[in-house]
Structure formats: structure tokens, C-alpha cells
Amino acid sequence: MSNDPQSAHTSPWATSEAIWLVGVAAAVVLEYPWPISLDGLVPVLYRYGIGAVLVIAGATFIVLAQRTLKDAGQPSAPGIPTTALISQGVYAYSRNPVYLGGLLGLAGLGLATNWPWLLIMLAPIVVATDVILIRPEERYLAATFGEEYAAYRARVRRWF
């Protein structure tokens, strides 16, 4: 189709790193005037343990997703057109394993470091990730791959 988009994102700022950095910066800004803590709510060893599991799970999702894309000869950087719909590997379980991995990592970091503001900022980070990144990507994939993407979308959830 001649009027198909060339890629899902045209702005250099439409990246998970940019969105998540804004969320982390907001957590830093909020922490200083209004410090809050998970002490007394979640035992330290649970925080460390669950936080570590989330960070490791998140990193694993990202590494596996990047490896799957590389093995298929597809770009992982936003703004570069894709020529094949990837539905194997972790993409058979999540349509967005890189975003899922990053968000799990942020949640684990917030928990393990006793940084509730980061945990609170996850809600707007998830919304921004959905609106700024995922929805345009879904429109792009639907326009590029049509029925193949519709079938993939019907069998694989957005997150997990």
C-alpha cells in the first residue's frame, strides 16, 4: 500500500527510554518534598526478593525479545520500518515483551530500593507507554500486515 506509514514512530522522543525517564524524573522530584517509604508495609527481605525477581524477569523479557528480533533480522529501534511480523519466542506470549520487561524492571527497582514514588509513577508511565508507543505501533502493524496481524492480535495478549 503506497500510503502505509513508514514506521510506527516518527518522533525521536517516542521511545520507552524517554517516557520512562520522565516518569523516573517525576518520582525524584516528588520524593524530595514528600518522602514516603514502604517501611512497615512490606518487610525488607520481601522487598529485596520480589524486587530482584521483577528486575531479573524484566531483563530476561528484554534480552529474549531483542534476541528474537535480531534472529529474525528485524529492527528493535523505533522509527525503523519492520518487514516481518514476529510471533515466535517471547512474542508468542506478549505482543510487547520489551515494554513489559522494562516496566517490570522499574517496578522491581522501586520495590527493592524502597522508592514508592517510582511505584506510583508506574501508572502514568504505563498509560503514556500505551498511548504514545503501543497504540501507534498497533496501527502501523495492522496497516502493514493486515489479517496476519489481526490473527496474531487475537491469539496473543498485549502484555502477557
C-alpha atoms as a PDB file:
ATOM      1  CA  MET A   1       0.000   0.000   0.000  1.00  0.00           C
ATOM      2  CA  SER A   2       1.507   3.281  -1.016  1.00  0.00           C
ATOM      3  CA  ASN A   3       0.027   5.293   1.848  1.00  0.00           C
ATOM      4  CA  ASP A   4       1.127   2.922   4.625  1.00  0.00           C
ATOM      5  CA  PRO A   5       3.211   4.531   7.328  1.00  0.00           C
ATOM      6  CA  GLN A   6       6.954   4.008   7.015  1.00  0.00           C
ATOM      7  CA  SER A   7       7.240   3.232  10.726  1.00  0.00           C
ATOM      8  CA  ALA A   8       5.166   3.444  13.878  1.00  0.00           C
ATOM      9  CA  HIS A   9       7.091   6.388  15.336  1.00  0.00           C
ATOM     10  CA  THR A  10       8.491   9.434  13.612  1.00  0.00           C
ATOM     11  CA  SER A  11       9.497  11.474  16.666  1.00  0.00           C
ATOM     12  CA  PRO A  12      12.890  10.730  18.205  1.00  0.00           C
ATOM     13  CA  TRP A  13      11.197  11.253  21.586  1.00  0.00           C
ATOM     14  CA  ALA A  14       8.681   8.463  21.033  1.00  0.00           C
ATOM     15  CA  THR A  15      10.796   5.886  22.860  1.00  0.00           C
ATOM     16  CA  SER A  16      10.293   3.928  26.032  1.00  0.00           C
ATOM     17  CA  GLU A  17      13.513   5.402  27.394  1.00  0.00           C
ATOM     18  CA  ALA A  18      12.241   8.971  27.001  1.00  0.00           C
ATOM     19  CA  ILE A  19       8.843   8.185  28.522  1.00  0.00           C
ATOM     20  CA  TRP A  20      10.265   6.201  31.403  1.00  0.00           C
ATOM     21  CA  LEU A  21      12.960   8.791  32.121  1.00  0.00           C
ATOM     22  CA  VAL A  22      10.243  11.438  32.517  1.00  0.00           C
ATOM     23  CA  GLY A  23       8.435   9.132  34.975  1.00  0.00           C
ATOM     24  CA  VAL A  24      11.603   8.462  36.948  1.00  0.00           C
ATOM     25  CA  ALA A  25      12.420  12.188  36.999  1.00  0.00           C
ATOM     26  CA  ALA A  26       8.919  12.925  38.306  1.00  0.00           C
ATOM     27  CA  ALA A  27       9.465  10.343  41.062  1.00  0.00           C
ATOM     28  CA  VAL A  28      12.736  12.052  42.001  1.00  0.00           C
ATOM     29  CA  VAL A  29      11.067  15.478  42.078  1.00  0.00           C
ATOM     30  CA  LEU A  30       8.191  14.196  44.229  1.00  0.00           C
ATOM     31  CA  GLU A  31      10.470  12.323  46.619  1.00  0.00           C
ATOM     32  CA  TYR A  32      12.224  15.382  47.981  1.00  0.00           C
ATOM     33  CA  PRO A  33       9.264  17.463  49.207  1.00  0.00           C
ATOM     34  CA  TRP A  34       7.129  14.416  50.075  1.00  0.00           C
ATOM     35  CA  PRO A  35       9.316  11.459  51.043  1.00  0.00           C
ATOM     36  CA  ILE A  36       7.391   8.244  51.560  1.00  0.00           C
ATOM     37  CA  SER A  37       8.513   4.766  52.488  1.00  0.00           C
ATOM     38  CA  LEU A  38       7.402   1.158  52.314  1.00  0.00           C
ATOM     39  CA  ASP A  39       8.912   0.513  55.768  1.00  0.00           C
ATOM     40  CA  GLY A  40       6.327  -1.124  57.978  1.00  0.00           C
ATOM     41  CA  LEU A  41       4.215  -2.114  54.960  1.00  0.00           C
ATOM     42  CA  VAL A  42       6.487  -4.605  53.243  1.00  0.00           C
ATOM     43  CA  PRO A  43       9.295  -6.419  55.074  1.00  0.00           C
ATOM     44  CA  VAL A  44      12.743  -5.538  53.740  1.00  0.00           C
ATOM     45  CA  LEU A  45      13.612  -9.090  52.681  1.00  0.00           C
ATOM     46  CA  TYR A  46      10.352  -9.370  50.712  1.00  0.00           C
ATOM     47  CA  ARG A  47      11.062  -6.035  49.040  1.00  0.00           C
ATOM     48  CA  TYR A  48      14.539  -7.139  48.048  1.00  0.00           C
ATOM     49  CA  GLY A  49      13.436 -10.595  46.961  1.00  0.00           C
ATOM     50  CA  ILE A  50      10.365  -9.573  44.978  1.00  0.00           C
ATOM     51  CA  GLY A  51      12.190  -6.553  43.575  1.00  0.00           C
ATOM     52  CA  ALA A  52      15.096  -8.722  42.417  1.00  0.00           C
ATOM     53  CA  VAL A  53      12.740 -11.246  40.811  1.00  0.00           C
ATOM     54  CA  LEU A  54      10.941  -8.441  38.952  1.00  0.00           C
ATOM     55  CA  VAL A  55      14.203  -6.876  37.734  1.00  0.00           C
ATOM     56  CA  ILE A  56      15.547 -10.262  36.583  1.00  0.00           C
ATOM     57  CA  ALA A  57      12.237 -11.162  34.894  1.00  0.00           C
ATOM     58  CA  GLY A  58      12.147  -7.777  33.195  1.00  0.00           C
ATOM     59  CA  ALA A  59      15.718  -8.047  31.949  1.00  0.00           C
ATOM     60  CA  THR A  60      15.014 -11.578  30.713  1.00  0.00           C
ATOM     61  CA  PHE A  61      11.990 -10.413  28.712  1.00  0.00           C
ATOM     62  CA  ILE A  62      14.039  -7.630  27.127  1.00  0.00           C
ATOM     63  CA  VAL A  63      17.012  -9.842  26.258  1.00  0.00           C
ATOM     64  CA  LEU A  64      14.819 -12.592  24.803  1.00  0.00           C
ATOM     65  CA  ALA A  65      12.761 -10.099  22.792  1.00  0.00           C
ATOM     66  CA  GLN A  66      15.866  -8.360  21.418  1.00  0.00           C
ATOM     67  CA  ARG A  67      17.410 -11.716  20.521  1.00  0.00           C
ATOM     68  CA  THR A  68      14.204 -12.810  18.752  1.00  0.00           C
ATOM     69  CA  LEU A  69      14.141  -9.596  16.723  1.00  0.00           C
ATOM     70  CA  LYS A  70      17.842  -9.894  15.861  1.00  0.00           C
ATOM     71  CA  ASP A  71      17.469 -13.539  14.816  1.00  0.00           C
ATOM     72  CA  ALA A  72      14.580 -12.530  12.534  1.00  0.00           C
ATOM     73  CA  GLY A  73      16.610  -9.662  11.061  1.00  0.00           C
ATOM     74  CA  GLN A  74      14.150  -7.076  12.338  1.00  0.00           C
ATOM     75  CA  PRO A  75      14.943  -3.702  13.913  1.00  0.00           C
ATOM     76  CA  SER A  76      14.229  -3.016  17.547  1.00  0.00           C
ATOM     77  CA  ALA A  77      14.758   0.727  17.381  1.00  0.00           C
ATOM     78  CA  PRO A  78      11.642   2.830  16.945  1.00  0.00           C
ATOM     79  CA  GLY A  79      11.283   4.707  13.691  1.00  0.00           C
ATOM     80  CA  ILE A  80      12.761   1.935  11.560  1.00  0.00           C
ATOM     81  CA  PRO A  81      10.291   0.031   9.387  1.00  0.00           C
ATOM     82  CA  THR A  82       9.757  -3.654  10.050  1.00  0.00           C
ATOM     83  CA  THR A  83       9.397  -6.136   7.215  1.00  0.00           C
ATOM     84  CA  ALA A  84       8.103  -9.179   9.101  1.00  0.00           C
ATOM     85  CA  LEU A  85       5.621  -9.794  11.872  1.00  0.00           C
ATOM     86  CA  ILE A  86       7.407 -11.524  14.734  1.00  0.00           C
ATOM     87  CA  SER A  87       5.218 -14.001  16.609  1.00  0.00           C
ATOM     88  CA  GLN A  88       7.728 -16.526  17.907  1.00  0.00           C
ATOM     89  CA  GLY A  89       9.798 -16.632  21.082  1.00  0.00           C
ATOM     90  CA  VAL A  90       8.540 -14.306  23.810  1.00  0.00           C
ATOM     91  CA  TYR A  91       6.373 -12.618  21.162  1.00  0.00           C
ATOM     92  CA  ALA A  92       4.204 -15.744  21.262  1.00  0.00           C
ATOM     93  CA  TYR A  93       3.228 -14.785  24.832  1.00  0.00           C
ATOM     94  CA  SER A  94       3.299 -10.981  24.801  1.00  0.00           C
ATOM     95  CA  ARG A  95       2.886  -8.519  21.946  1.00  0.00           C
ATOM     96  CA  ASN A  96       5.081  -6.071  23.880  1.00  0.00           C
ATOM     97  CA  PRO A  97       7.754  -8.028  25.748  1.00  0.00           C
ATOM     98  CA  VAL A  98      10.292  -5.179  25.686  1.00  0.00           C
ATOM     99  CA  TYR A  99       7.844  -2.747  27.276  1.00  0.00           C
ATOM    100  CA  LEU A 100       6.645  -5.406  29.701  1.00  0.00           C
ATOM    101  CA  GLY A 101      10.235  -6.160  30.674  1.00  0.00           C
ATOM    102  CA  GLY A 102      11.103  -2.523  31.200  1.00  0.00           C
ATOM    103  CA  LEU A 103       8.041  -1.891  33.329  1.00  0.00           C
ATOM    104  CA  LEU A 104       8.682  -4.992  35.421  1.00  0.00           C
ATOM    105  CA  GLY A 105      12.255  -3.776  35.908  1.00  0.00           C
ATOM    106  CA  LEU A 106      11.070  -0.349  37.027  1.00  0.00           C
ATOM    107  CA  ALA A 107       8.599  -1.939  39.449  1.00  0.00           C
ATOM    108  CA  GLY A 108      11.352  -4.156  40.837  1.00  0.00           C
ATOM    109  CA  LEU A 109      13.691  -1.212  41.199  1.00  0.00           C
ATOM    110  CA  GLY A 110      11.041   0.828  43.027  1.00  0.00           C
ATOM    111  CA  LEU A 111      10.286  -2.046  45.367  1.00  0.00           C
ATOM    112  CA  ALA A 112      13.871  -3.111  46.083  1.00  0.00           C
ATOM    113  CA  THR A 113      15.062   0.448  46.709  1.00  0.00           C
ATOM    114  CA  ASN A 114      12.071   1.437  48.857  1.00  0.00           C
ATOM    115  CA  TRP A 115      11.041   4.089  46.359  1.00  0.00           C
ATOM    116  CA  PRO A 116       7.234   4.248  46.443  1.00  0.00           C
ATOM    117  CA  TRP A 117       7.126   7.306  44.182  1.00  0.00           C
ATOM    118  CA  LEU A 118       8.557   5.208  41.381  1.00  0.00           C
ATOM    119  CA  LEU A 119       5.856   2.606  42.004  1.00  0.00           C
ATOM    120  CA  ILE A 120       3.202   5.331  41.972  1.00  0.00           C
ATOM    121  CA  MET A 121       4.603   6.809  38.757  1.00  0.00           C
ATOM    122  CA  LEU A 122       4.256   3.421  37.064  1.00  0.00           C
ATOM    123  CA  ALA A 123       0.560   4.143  36.457  1.00  0.00           C
ATOM    124  CA  PRO A 124       1.171   7.239  34.292  1.00  0.00           C
ATOM    125  CA  ILE A 125       4.207   5.553  32.718  1.00  0.00           C
ATOM    126  CA  VAL A 126       2.047   2.612  31.634  1.00  0.00           C
ATOM    127  CA  VAL A 127      -0.632   4.954  30.256  1.00  0.00           C
ATOM    128  CA  ALA A 128       1.958   7.017  28.358  1.00  0.00           C
ATOM    129  CA  THR A 129       3.613   3.849  27.025  1.00  0.00           C
ATOM    130  CA  ASP A 130       0.231   2.636  25.799  1.00  0.00           C
ATOM    131  CA  VAL A 131      -0.866   5.911  24.201  1.00  0.00           C
ATOM    132  CA  ILE A 132       2.458   7.139  22.785  1.00  0.00           C
ATOM    133  CA  LEU A 133       4.097   3.850  21.824  1.00  0.00           C
ATOM    134  CA  ILE A 134       1.829   0.823  21.738  1.00  0.00           C
ATOM    135  CA  ARG A 135      -1.256   2.197  20.008  1.00  0.00           C
ATOM    136  CA  PRO A 136       0.700   3.762  17.112  1.00  0.00           C
ATOM    137  CA  GLU A 137       2.662   0.517  16.779  1.00  0.00           C
ATOM    138  CA  GLU A 138      -0.569  -1.470  16.650  1.00  0.00           C
ATOM    139  CA  ARG A 139      -1.980   0.842  13.955  1.00  0.00           C
ATOM    140  CA  TYR A 140       1.255   0.515  11.982  1.00  0.00           C
ATOM    141  CA  LEU A 141       1.302  -3.273  12.266  1.00  0.00           C
ATOM    142  CA  ALA A 142      -2.380  -3.511  11.306  1.00  0.00           C
ATOM    143  CA  ALA A 143      -1.757  -1.307   8.242  1.00  0.00           C
ATOM    144  CA  THR A 144       1.394  -3.192   7.292  1.00  0.00           C
ATOM    145  CA  PHE A 145       0.405  -6.805   7.974  1.00  0.00           C
ATOM    146  CA  GLY A 146      -3.411  -6.738   7.828  1.00  0.00           C
ATOM    147  CA  GLU A 147      -5.038 -10.091   8.542  1.00  0.00           C
ATOM    148  CA  GLU A 148      -1.791 -11.663   9.712  1.00  0.00           C
ATOM    149  CA  TYR A 149      -1.554  -9.056  12.487  1.00  0.00           C
ATOM    150  CA  ALA A 150      -5.273  -9.346  13.280  1.00  0.00           C
ATOM    151  CA  ALA A 151      -4.852 -13.100  13.822  1.00  0.00           C
ATOM    152  CA  TYR A 152      -1.734 -12.538  15.955  1.00  0.00           C
ATOM    153  CA  ARG A 153      -3.509  -9.882  17.993  1.00  0.00           C
ATOM    154  CA  ALA A 154      -6.458 -12.233  18.560  1.00  0.00           C
ATOM    155  CA  ARG A 155      -4.259 -15.013  19.970  1.00  0.00           C
ATOM    156  CA  VAL A 156      -1.585 -13.059  21.906  1.00  0.00           C
ATOM    157  CA  ARG A 157      -2.330 -10.583  24.680  1.00  0.00           C
ATOM    158  CA  ARG A 158      -0.846  -7.104  24.708  1.00  0.00           C
ATOM    159  CA  TRP A 159       1.101  -7.625  27.938  1.00  0.00           C
ATOM    160  CA  PHE A 160       1.082 -11.327  28.936  1.00  0.00           C
END
